Protein backbone atom coordinates (compact mmCIF):
# COMPACT_ATOMS: atom_id res chain seq x y z
CA UNK A 1 124.78 104.73 32.62
CA UNK A 2 126.24 105.37 36.43
CA UNK A 3 129.98 107.18 36.90
CA UNK A 4 133.43 106.85 38.88
CA UNK A 5 132.87 110.88 39.89
CA UNK A 6 130.89 112.29 42.60
CA UNK A 7 131.75 115.85 41.94
CA UNK A 8 128.00 116.76 41.00
CA UNK A 9 126.27 114.41 43.77
CA UNK A 10 128.49 115.90 46.21
CA UNK A 11 126.96 119.21 44.93
CA UNK A 12 123.45 118.64 45.59
CA UNK A 13 123.78 117.09 48.51
CA UNK A 14 125.39 120.16 50.34
CA UNK A 15 122.65 122.34 49.07
CA UNK A 16 120.35 119.92 50.27
CA UNK A 17 122.79 120.25 53.52
CA UNK A 18 121.67 123.79 53.43
CA UNK A 19 118.19 123.90 52.90
CA UNK A 20 117.32 121.66 55.23
CA UNK A 21 115.75 122.39 57.85
CA UNK A 22 114.83 121.19 61.65
CA UNK A 23 112.24 118.63 62.37
CA UNK A 24 110.84 118.39 66.33
CA UNK A 25 109.50 115.31 67.85
CA UNK A 26 105.81 115.88 67.39
CA UNK A 27 104.97 112.44 67.99
CA UNK A 28 103.96 110.04 71.16
CA UNK A 29 104.29 106.41 71.95
CA UNK A 30 101.23 106.02 73.81
CA UNK A 31 102.04 102.10 74.17
CA UNK A 32 103.53 99.75 76.95
CA UNK A 33 105.54 101.30 80.18
CA UNK A 34 107.22 103.31 78.21
CA UNK A 35 105.84 107.16 76.87
CA UNK A 36 107.92 109.03 74.82
CA UNK A 37 107.93 111.80 71.40
CA UNK A 38 109.99 110.70 68.69
CA UNK A 39 110.86 112.09 64.44
CA UNK A 40 108.18 109.36 62.76
CA UNK A 41 110.28 107.98 58.77
CA UNK A 42 107.46 110.20 57.50
CA UNK A 43 108.27 113.71 58.93
CA UNK A 44 111.76 112.85 57.56
CA UNK A 45 110.59 112.01 54.09
CA UNK A 46 107.76 115.33 54.33
CA UNK A 47 110.80 117.91 55.35
CA UNK A 48 113.18 116.00 52.64
CA UNK A 49 111.38 115.15 49.60
CA UNK A 50 110.89 118.90 48.41
CA UNK A 51 114.52 119.11 48.67
CA UNK A 52 115.60 115.97 46.89
CA UNK A 53 113.28 117.82 43.75
CA UNK A 54 114.26 120.95 44.17
CA UNK A 55 118.14 120.02 43.77
CA UNK A 56 117.66 116.78 41.43
CA UNK A 57 118.84 114.74 44.17
CA UNK A 58 116.66 110.52 44.72
CA UNK A 59 117.74 107.88 47.02
CA UNK A 60 117.33 103.96 46.20
CA UNK A 61 118.10 100.80 48.55
CA UNK A 62 121.04 99.13 46.85
CA UNK A 63 122.56 96.88 49.13
CA UNK A 64 120.04 94.98 51.59
CA UNK A 65 121.99 92.31 54.28
CA UNK A 66 120.49 90.49 57.11
CA UNK A 67 122.29 90.18 59.81
CA UNK A 68 120.70 88.66 62.47
CA UNK A 69 117.49 86.91 63.47
CA UNK A 70 116.18 85.84 66.26
CA UNK A 71 112.54 84.04 67.60
CA UNK A 72 111.28 86.20 70.81
CA UNK A 73 109.16 86.20 72.81
CA UNK A 74 106.52 88.88 74.41
CA UNK A 75 105.14 88.50 78.70
CA UNK A 76 101.37 88.02 76.77
CA UNK A 77 102.78 84.83 74.84
CA UNK A 78 102.97 86.12 71.26
CA UNK A 79 105.32 85.07 69.55
CA UNK A 80 107.32 87.19 66.50
CA UNK A 81 111.14 87.95 65.64
CA UNK A 82 113.94 90.38 66.29
CA UNK A 83 115.61 91.17 62.43
CA UNK A 84 118.45 92.86 62.00
CA UNK A 85 119.49 94.58 59.01
CA UNK A 86 122.63 96.48 57.60
CA UNK A 87 120.96 99.23 54.35
CA UNK A 88 123.36 100.82 51.99
CA UNK A 89 120.83 103.79 50.78
CA UNK A 90 122.25 105.09 47.37
CA UNK A 91 122.02 108.97 46.27
CA UNK A 92 122.41 109.85 42.31
CA UNK A 93 122.33 112.83 40.51
CA UNK A 94 120.86 113.80 37.41
CA UNK A 95 124.61 112.77 36.11
CA UNK A 96 124.56 109.76 37.52
CA UNK A 97 127.33 110.24 39.77
CA UNK A 98 125.99 109.49 43.26
CA UNK A 99 127.20 108.52 46.94
CA UNK A 100 126.85 105.41 49.12
CA UNK A 101 125.83 105.63 52.86
CA UNK A 102 125.00 102.70 55.07
CA UNK A 103 122.57 102.44 58.41
CA UNK A 104 121.21 99.36 60.26
CA UNK A 105 117.85 98.70 61.18
CA UNK A 106 116.83 96.72 64.04
CA UNK A 107 112.96 96.34 64.80
CA UNK A 108 110.80 93.20 66.29
CA UNK A 109 107.41 91.94 64.66
CA UNK A 110 104.93 90.04 66.26
CA UNK A 111 103.28 89.45 62.18
CA UNK A 112 104.76 89.93 58.68
CA UNK A 113 105.55 93.56 59.27
CA UNK A 114 109.41 93.09 60.46
CA UNK A 115 111.72 93.77 57.46
CA UNK A 116 109.43 96.60 56.29
CA UNK A 117 110.34 98.13 59.46
CA UNK A 118 113.48 97.84 59.77
CA UNK A 119 114.09 99.49 55.72
CA UNK A 120 111.94 101.94 57.31
CA UNK A 121 114.38 102.24 60.79
CA UNK A 122 117.04 102.24 58.96
CA UNK A 123 116.79 105.04 56.40
CA UNK A 124 115.05 107.33 58.54
CA UNK A 125 118.73 106.71 60.09
CA UNK A 126 120.84 107.30 57.72
CA UNK A 127 118.84 110.50 55.94
CA UNK A 128 118.93 111.95 59.47
CA UNK A 129 123.07 110.68 59.84
CA UNK A 130 123.88 111.78 56.41
CA UNK A 131 122.23 115.73 56.40
CA UNK A 132 123.39 116.67 60.34
CA UNK A 133 119.27 116.87 60.05
CA UNK A 134 118.87 118.86 64.02
CA UNK A 135 118.26 116.62 66.23
CA UNK A 136 117.70 117.76 70.64
CA UNK A 137 118.92 113.84 70.85
CA UNK A 138 120.58 111.53 68.39
CA UNK A 139 119.84 107.78 70.60
CA UNK A 140 115.94 109.20 70.09
CA UNK A 141 114.03 105.24 70.37
CA UNK A 142 111.49 104.30 67.07
CA UNK A 143 107.42 103.82 66.91
CA UNK A 144 107.30 100.59 69.33
CA UNK A 145 108.01 99.38 72.57
CA UNK A 146 108.53 95.58 73.36
CA UNK A 147 108.03 94.17 76.97
CA UNK A 148 110.41 90.59 76.28
CA UNK A 149 110.03 87.56 78.93
CA UNK A 150 113.16 86.80 80.13
CA UNK A 151 114.64 83.70 79.72
CA UNK A 152 115.17 83.94 83.71
CA UNK A 153 112.54 83.40 86.32
CA UNK A 154 112.06 86.36 88.66
CA UNK A 155 109.71 87.64 91.08
CA UNK A 156 108.79 90.71 91.55
CA UNK A 157 110.56 93.21 93.30
CA UNK A 158 109.83 94.36 97.21
CA UNK A 159 109.11 98.00 95.74
CA UNK A 160 106.58 96.52 92.59
CA UNK A 161 104.63 94.12 95.48
CA UNK A 162 104.10 97.75 97.24
CA UNK A 163 103.36 99.38 93.94
CA UNK A 164 100.52 97.12 92.92
CA UNK A 165 99.29 97.07 96.23
CA UNK A 166 98.31 101.00 96.91
CA UNK A 167 97.30 101.14 92.76
CA UNK A 168 94.83 97.67 92.48
CA UNK A 169 93.70 98.70 96.41
CA UNK A 170 90.18 99.95 97.61
CA UNK A 171 90.25 103.49 98.38
CA UNK A 172 93.61 103.34 98.18
CA UNK A 173 96.34 105.72 97.28
CA UNK A 174 94.20 107.62 94.48
CA UNK A 175 96.88 109.94 92.96
CA UNK A 176 98.97 106.79 91.67
CA UNK A 177 96.37 104.88 90.67
CA UNK A 178 95.11 107.83 88.29
CA UNK A 179 99.13 108.53 87.13
CA UNK A 180 99.21 105.58 85.32
CA UNK A 181 95.24 105.75 83.93
CA UNK A 182 96.61 108.91 82.66
CA UNK A 183 98.75 107.51 80.25
CA UNK A 184 96.97 104.11 79.47
CA UNK A 185 95.71 102.76 76.63
CA UNK A 186 92.60 100.94 78.79
CA UNK A 187 89.61 103.09 79.81
CA UNK A 188 88.08 101.77 83.93
CA UNK A 189 85.48 99.36 81.49
CA UNK A 190 88.44 97.75 80.02
CA UNK A 191 89.82 96.78 83.66
CA UNK A 192 86.16 96.37 84.23
CA UNK A 193 85.81 94.04 82.34
CA UNK A 194 88.77 91.49 82.78
CA UNK A 195 87.47 91.55 86.26
CA UNK A 196 83.86 90.07 85.54
CA UNK A 197 86.04 87.98 83.22
CA UNK A 198 87.69 86.44 85.85
CA UNK A 199 85.14 86.42 88.11
CA UNK A 200 83.08 83.99 85.57
CA UNK A 201 86.17 81.87 85.30
CA UNK A 202 86.27 82.15 89.46
CA UNK A 203 89.58 84.16 89.64
CA UNK A 204 90.06 85.94 92.91
CA UNK A 205 91.56 89.41 92.40
CA UNK A 206 94.32 88.15 94.44
CA UNK A 207 95.28 85.62 91.49
CA UNK A 208 94.69 88.39 88.99
CA UNK A 209 96.92 90.62 90.73
CA UNK A 210 99.84 87.79 91.20
CA UNK A 211 100.27 87.94 87.32
CA UNK A 212 100.28 91.50 87.21
CA UNK A 213 102.88 91.21 89.15
CA UNK A 214 104.20 87.90 88.40
CA UNK A 215 103.68 87.13 85.15
CA UNK A 216 103.62 90.11 82.81
CA UNK A 217 106.06 92.61 86.05
CA UNK A 218 102.76 95.66 86.11
CA UNK A 219 102.73 97.92 89.03
CA UNK A 220 98.70 97.70 87.73
CA UNK A 221 95.85 96.78 85.78
CA UNK A 222 96.34 99.88 83.49
CA UNK A 223 99.77 99.30 82.78
CA UNK A 224 98.39 96.43 80.34
CA UNK A 225 97.94 97.86 76.72
CA UNK A 226 94.81 96.85 75.62
CA UNK A 227 96.81 93.96 72.78
CA UNK A 228 98.31 91.92 76.69
CA UNK A 229 94.98 93.08 78.16
CA UNK A 230 92.59 90.76 75.33
CA UNK A 231 95.24 88.45 75.55
CA UNK A 232 95.00 88.10 78.83
CA UNK A 233 91.10 87.96 78.95
CA UNK A 234 91.31 85.30 76.45
CA UNK A 235 94.19 83.30 78.92
CA UNK A 236 91.47 83.35 81.41
CA UNK A 237 88.58 81.70 79.26
CA UNK A 238 90.42 78.82 77.89
CA UNK A 239 89.37 77.89 81.65
CA UNK A 240 92.24 77.73 82.65
CA UNK A 241 94.52 78.27 86.68
CA UNK A 242 96.39 81.24 87.36
CA UNK A 243 99.19 79.21 87.96
CA UNK A 244 99.14 77.39 84.65
CA UNK A 245 98.73 80.58 82.75
CA UNK A 246 101.67 81.51 85.27
CA UNK A 247 103.72 78.35 84.39
CA UNK A 248 102.50 78.89 80.37
CA UNK A 249 104.21 82.35 80.59
CA UNK A 250 107.77 80.93 82.34
CA UNK A 251 106.81 81.94 85.56
CA UNK A 252 108.20 79.49 88.44
CA UNK A 253 104.95 78.71 90.68
CA UNK A 254 106.07 76.94 93.90
CA UNK A 255 103.70 74.77 95.54
């Protein structure tokens, strides 16, 4: 039976703390407009599993509380949920003594994995903070980013328009285009497919760029993720005009 004595578990956790090593940011986010390195939850588990076994400690998610849940929509029109959970993790020693740690996990998901993501994120930060695992940046972002549709109608800034014109113009500012291509999920064939489908459905290049600028708020086709590209092409294939696509994305179109 678990006891209220903390003597054993405190000692074992201090031994784990003494043995733990730094975890580098070896993984990279390559999707979406943001690119960064991060430590994944598996990196943390791989570091701690052997130490937990060595010092006879194990951990259980003891209490899970839903703090908030709201519907969200991506710029490509995909519906999903933003969820936030408060999770209590209980660390046990072999004699039944234990100590608790709480952590908040927040995630956005467009399928049925939102709760799983929240638990993984909460577990990751509970372990990082409980055992003071050396980190360079305590505001370490997680492995996915989400570009949500604004609740207000906004047009692209002048700077964004200039960047779009330079990146998409024929023979203009090739270095900027190469910069976007270097970090993009898309290849030249992907981008070419978008314009080919657009031409088949009587979309002009300017209309495609209008959706990129005003709908996605991207300065280049290469800023699209593959998911966004496929959703864009699918919308064109429905026979909608570029105005109808922009309106479906929540953009007010004059005229």
